[in-house]
Amino acid sequence: MFLGATDTTATTMEWAMAELVNNPSAMKKVQEEVRGVVGEKSKVEEIDIDQMDFLKCIVKETLRLHPPLFIGRRTSASLELEGYHIPANLKVMINSWAIQRDPKLWDSPEEFIPERFANKSVDFKGQNHQFIPFGAGRRGCPGIAFAVVEVEHVLANILYWFDWEFPEGITAENLDMSEVFTPVIRKKSPLHLVPVAHFQKTISN
């Protein structure tokens, strides 16, 4: 389970940082939240992350726009669906990428708008079928809790300690945001950013 989650967790964090550097207002807002919650402590603690509502919206919006993989299922019996005959023992791929960008289900579906999840009950635990990055039902991802905690904790730390800049020659306008549809939906071009230490003095408890 731990090895299986490595690629999906890493690509989710890469997509989150790509969307943030591509949306400076969201980056500014989430860094202000993270730094305001943590204050001058020497590390980000789990209790701090529980107070970071906008960070949690960032993670949800990243998973909506960039679900890390297509969900595969196999039919246990034959059935008729929307006029189509679906035989038993057929492998079916659920296109969560298309569902989560469907304009019938989402306003401005192609835009990165973390605020759409603020004060909303829509979650990725399988109860809202327009948002299923971890699948749903009895076959939902068993590592969902571990994955979300890991993504939130890593993002909180790198947003707290560093400001992020593009390397020379790269701007938001020419940042490649295209995707590669392998079993894990990756960013076609790896994200390269320059970390700049935000704190110039040692922070102590």
Protein backbone atom coordinates (compact mmCIF):
# COMPACT_ATOMS: atom_id res chain seq x y z
CA MET A 1 0.00 0.00 0.00
CA PHE A 2 2.84 2.41 0.86
CA LEU A 3 4.67 1.76 -2.43
CA GLY A 4 1.45 2.00 -4.42
CA ALA A 5 0.76 5.49 -3.11
CA THR A 6 4.23 6.90 -3.79
CA ASP A 7 3.69 8.03 -7.38
CA THR A 8 0.17 9.34 -6.89
CA THR A 9 1.08 11.35 -3.79
CA ALA A 10 4.17 12.86 -5.42
CA THR A 11 2.35 13.85 -8.60
CA THR A 12 -0.46 15.45 -6.57
CA MET A 13 2.05 17.64 -4.73
CA GLU A 14 3.74 18.59 -8.01
CA TRP A 15 0.41 19.58 -9.54
CA ALA A 16 -0.51 21.60 -6.44
CA MET A 17 2.72 23.61 -6.64
CA ALA A 18 2.33 24.09 -10.40
CA GLU A 19 -1.19 25.46 -9.94
CA LEU A 20 -0.07 27.73 -7.09
CA VAL A 21 2.85 29.32 -8.97
CA ASN A 22 0.48 29.72 -11.90
CA ASN A 23 -2.02 31.52 -9.63
CA PRO A 24 -0.08 34.03 -7.49
CA SER A 25 -3.14 35.24 -5.59
CA ALA A 26 -3.86 31.70 -4.37
CA MET A 27 -0.19 31.25 -3.48
CA LYS A 28 -0.17 34.47 -1.46
CA LYS A 29 -3.39 33.56 0.32
CA VAL A 30 -2.32 30.05 1.32
CA GLN A 31 1.14 31.16 2.46
CA GLU A 32 -0.39 33.87 4.62
CA GLU A 33 -2.71 31.27 6.14
CA VAL A 34 0.07 28.74 6.80
CA ARG A 35 2.47 31.29 8.27
CA GLY A 36 -0.26 32.91 10.32
CA VAL A 37 -1.27 29.60 11.88
CA VAL A 38 2.24 28.29 12.55
CA GLY A 39 3.62 31.61 13.79
CA GLU A 40 7.23 31.37 14.97
CA LYS A 41 7.37 27.72 15.88
CA SER A 42 10.26 25.62 14.60
CA LYS A 43 8.03 23.12 12.78
CA VAL A 44 4.56 22.66 11.35
CA GLU A 45 2.50 20.38 13.58
CA GLU A 46 -0.56 18.30 12.80
CA ILE A 47 -2.74 20.48 15.01
CA ASP A 48 -1.70 23.47 12.88
CA ILE A 49 -2.82 21.83 9.65
CA ASP A 50 -6.27 21.22 11.14
CA GLN A 51 -6.68 25.02 11.16
CA MET A 52 -5.57 25.54 7.54
CA ASP A 53 -8.91 25.60 5.75
CA PHE A 54 -7.64 27.20 2.55
CA LEU A 55 -4.77 24.70 2.28
CA LYS A 56 -7.35 21.92 2.40
CA CYS A 57 -9.26 23.67 -0.40
CA ILE A 58 -6.02 23.80 -2.42
CA VAL A 59 -5.60 20.03 -2.06
CA LYS A 60 -9.22 19.37 -3.06
CA GLU A 61 -9.05 21.63 -6.11
CA THR A 62 -5.78 20.02 -7.19
CA LEU A 63 -7.35 16.57 -6.93
CA ARG A 64 -10.38 17.79 -8.88
CA LEU A 65 -8.35 19.17 -11.78
CA HIS A 66 -5.65 16.51 -11.64
CA PRO A 67 -6.92 13.19 -10.26
CA PRO A 68 -3.78 11.09 -10.01
CA LEU A 69 -5.07 8.01 -11.85
CA PHE A 70 -7.97 6.42 -13.68
CA ILE A 71 -10.00 4.05 -11.55
CA GLY A 72 -10.35 0.49 -12.85
CA ARG A 73 -13.17 -1.92 -12.04
CA ARG A 74 -14.30 -5.32 -13.35
CA THR A 75 -17.98 -6.16 -13.82
CA SER A 76 -19.22 -9.09 -11.75
CA ALA A 77 -22.32 -9.69 -13.91
CA SER A 78 -23.68 -8.65 -17.30
CA LEU A 79 -26.06 -5.70 -17.48
CA GLU A 80 -27.73 -3.17 -19.76
CA LEU A 81 -26.65 0.45 -19.24
CA GLU A 82 -27.93 3.40 -21.29
CA GLY A 83 -28.82 1.02 -24.12
CA TYR A 84 -25.44 -0.72 -24.10
CA HIS A 85 -24.83 -4.36 -23.21
CA ILE A 86 -22.00 -4.66 -20.70
CA PRO A 87 -20.75 -8.25 -20.39
CA ALA A 88 -19.54 -9.84 -17.17
CA ASN A 89 -15.85 -9.86 -16.30
CA LEU A 90 -15.18 -6.73 -18.37
CA LYS A 91 -12.57 -4.25 -17.18
CA VAL A 92 -14.11 -0.77 -16.93
CA MET A 93 -12.11 2.43 -16.51
CA ILE A 94 -13.87 5.27 -14.68
CA ASN A 95 -12.79 8.59 -16.21
CA SER A 96 -12.68 10.73 -13.07
CA TRP A 97 -10.66 13.34 -14.99
CA ALA A 98 -13.63 14.00 -17.32
CA ILE A 99 -16.25 13.78 -14.55
CA GLN A 100 -14.43 16.34 -12.43
CA ARG A 101 -14.20 18.77 -15.36
CA ASP A 102 -17.78 18.33 -16.52
CA PRO A 103 -19.41 21.78 -16.98
CA LYS A 104 -22.77 20.22 -16.05
CA LEU A 105 -21.38 19.47 -12.60
CA TRP A 106 -18.90 22.31 -11.98
CA ASP A 107 -18.84 26.05 -12.59
CA SER A 108 -15.77 27.16 -14.61
CA PRO A 109 -14.46 23.58 -14.52
CA GLU A 110 -11.14 24.29 -16.26
CA GLU A 111 -10.13 27.03 -13.82
CA PHE A 112 -8.18 26.57 -10.58
CA ILE A 113 -10.58 27.98 -7.99
CA PRO A 114 -9.88 26.53 -4.52
CA GLU A 115 -12.58 28.76 -3.02
CA ARG A 116 -15.23 26.59 -4.65
CA PHE A 117 -14.73 24.14 -1.75
CA ALA A 118 -14.90 26.73 1.03
CA ASN A 119 -17.74 26.02 3.46
CA LYS A 120 -19.00 23.22 1.19
CA SER A 121 -19.72 19.63 2.18
CA VAL A 122 -18.34 18.23 -1.11
CA ASP A 123 -15.54 15.82 -0.21
CA PHE A 124 -13.42 13.13 -1.87
CA LYS A 125 -14.45 10.23 0.37
CA GLY A 126 -16.80 8.70 -2.19
CA GLN A 127 -20.12 10.24 -1.13
CA ASN A 128 -20.11 12.94 -3.84
CA HIS A 129 -20.00 11.23 -7.21
CA GLN A 130 -18.93 14.34 -9.08
CA PHE A 131 -15.66 14.26 -7.11
CA ILE A 132 -14.03 10.82 -6.94
CA PRO A 133 -10.22 11.08 -7.13
CA PHE A 134 -9.97 8.15 -4.68
CA GLY A 135 -12.84 6.13 -6.10
CA ALA A 136 -16.02 5.33 -4.21
CA GLY A 137 -17.87 2.54 -2.47
CA ARG A 138 -16.31 -0.60 -1.06
CA ARG A 139 -13.42 -0.40 -3.54
CA GLY A 140 -12.43 3.13 -2.64
CA CYS A 141 -8.74 3.76 -2.00
CA PRO A 142 -7.78 2.30 1.42
CA GLY A 143 -4.93 4.79 1.77
CA ILE A 144 -6.99 7.97 1.46
CA ALA A 145 -6.39 9.21 5.00
CA PHE A 146 -2.64 8.59 4.84
CA ALA A 147 -2.33 10.22 1.40
CA VAL A 148 -4.21 13.39 2.32
CA VAL A 149 -2.30 13.87 5.57
CA GLU A 150 1.01 13.43 3.75
CA VAL A 151 0.15 15.88 0.96
CA GLU A 152 -1.15 18.51 3.39
CA HIS A 153 1.87 18.19 5.70
CA VAL A 154 4.49 18.43 2.94
CA LEU A 155 2.75 21.35 1.23
CA ALA A 156 2.34 23.20 4.54
CA ASN A 157 6.06 22.86 5.24
CA ILE A 158 7.36 23.96 1.86
CA LEU A 159 4.90 26.87 1.75
CA TYR A 160 5.87 27.91 5.28
CA TRP A 161 9.64 27.84 4.95
CA PHE A 162 10.13 28.98 1.35
CA ASP A 163 8.95 31.44 -1.24
CA TRP A 164 9.00 29.98 -4.73
CA GLU A 165 10.24 31.51 -7.98
CA PHE A 166 10.51 30.36 -11.56
CA PRO A 167 13.98 29.60 -12.90
CA GLU A 168 15.36 31.97 -15.53
CA GLY A 169 13.43 31.80 -18.77
CA ILE A 170 10.24 30.36 -17.26
CA THR A 171 7.13 32.39 -16.48
CA ALA A 172 3.52 31.58 -15.67
CA GLU A 173 2.69 32.34 -19.30
CA ASN A 174 4.99 29.66 -20.73
CA LEU A 175 4.73 27.08 -17.94
CA ASP A 176 3.78 23.76 -19.54
CA MET A 177 0.65 22.47 -17.78
CA SER A 178 -0.07 19.61 -20.17
CA GLU A 179 -0.64 16.09 -18.89
CA VAL A 180 0.51 12.60 -19.78
CA PHE A 181 -2.18 9.94 -19.40
CA THR A 182 -0.24 6.95 -18.11
CA PRO A 183 -1.64 4.84 -15.24
CA VAL A 184 -0.65 7.83 -13.09
CA ILE A 185 -1.72 11.13 -14.70
CA ARG A 186 1.56 13.02 -14.65
CA LYS A 187 2.69 16.48 -15.59
CA LYS A 188 4.24 16.16 -19.04
CA SER A 189 7.20 18.43 -18.19
CA PRO A 190 8.61 18.16 -14.65
CA LEU A 191 8.10 21.26 -12.54
CA HIS A 192 11.28 23.22 -11.76
CA LEU A 193 11.13 25.98 -9.16
CA VAL A 194 13.69 27.94 -7.16
CA PRO A 195 13.17 27.94 -3.36
CA VAL A 196 14.01 31.18 -1.54
CA ALA A 197 14.28 30.97 2.25
CA HIS A 198 11.50 33.06 3.73
CA PHE A 199 12.94 33.35 7.24
CA GLN A 200 16.34 34.99 7.57
CA LYS A 201 16.77 34.05 11.21
CA THR A 202 16.40 30.81 13.11
CA ILE A 203 12.91 30.26 14.44
CA SER A 204 12.70 28.75 17.89
CA ASN A 205 9.86 27.50 20.04
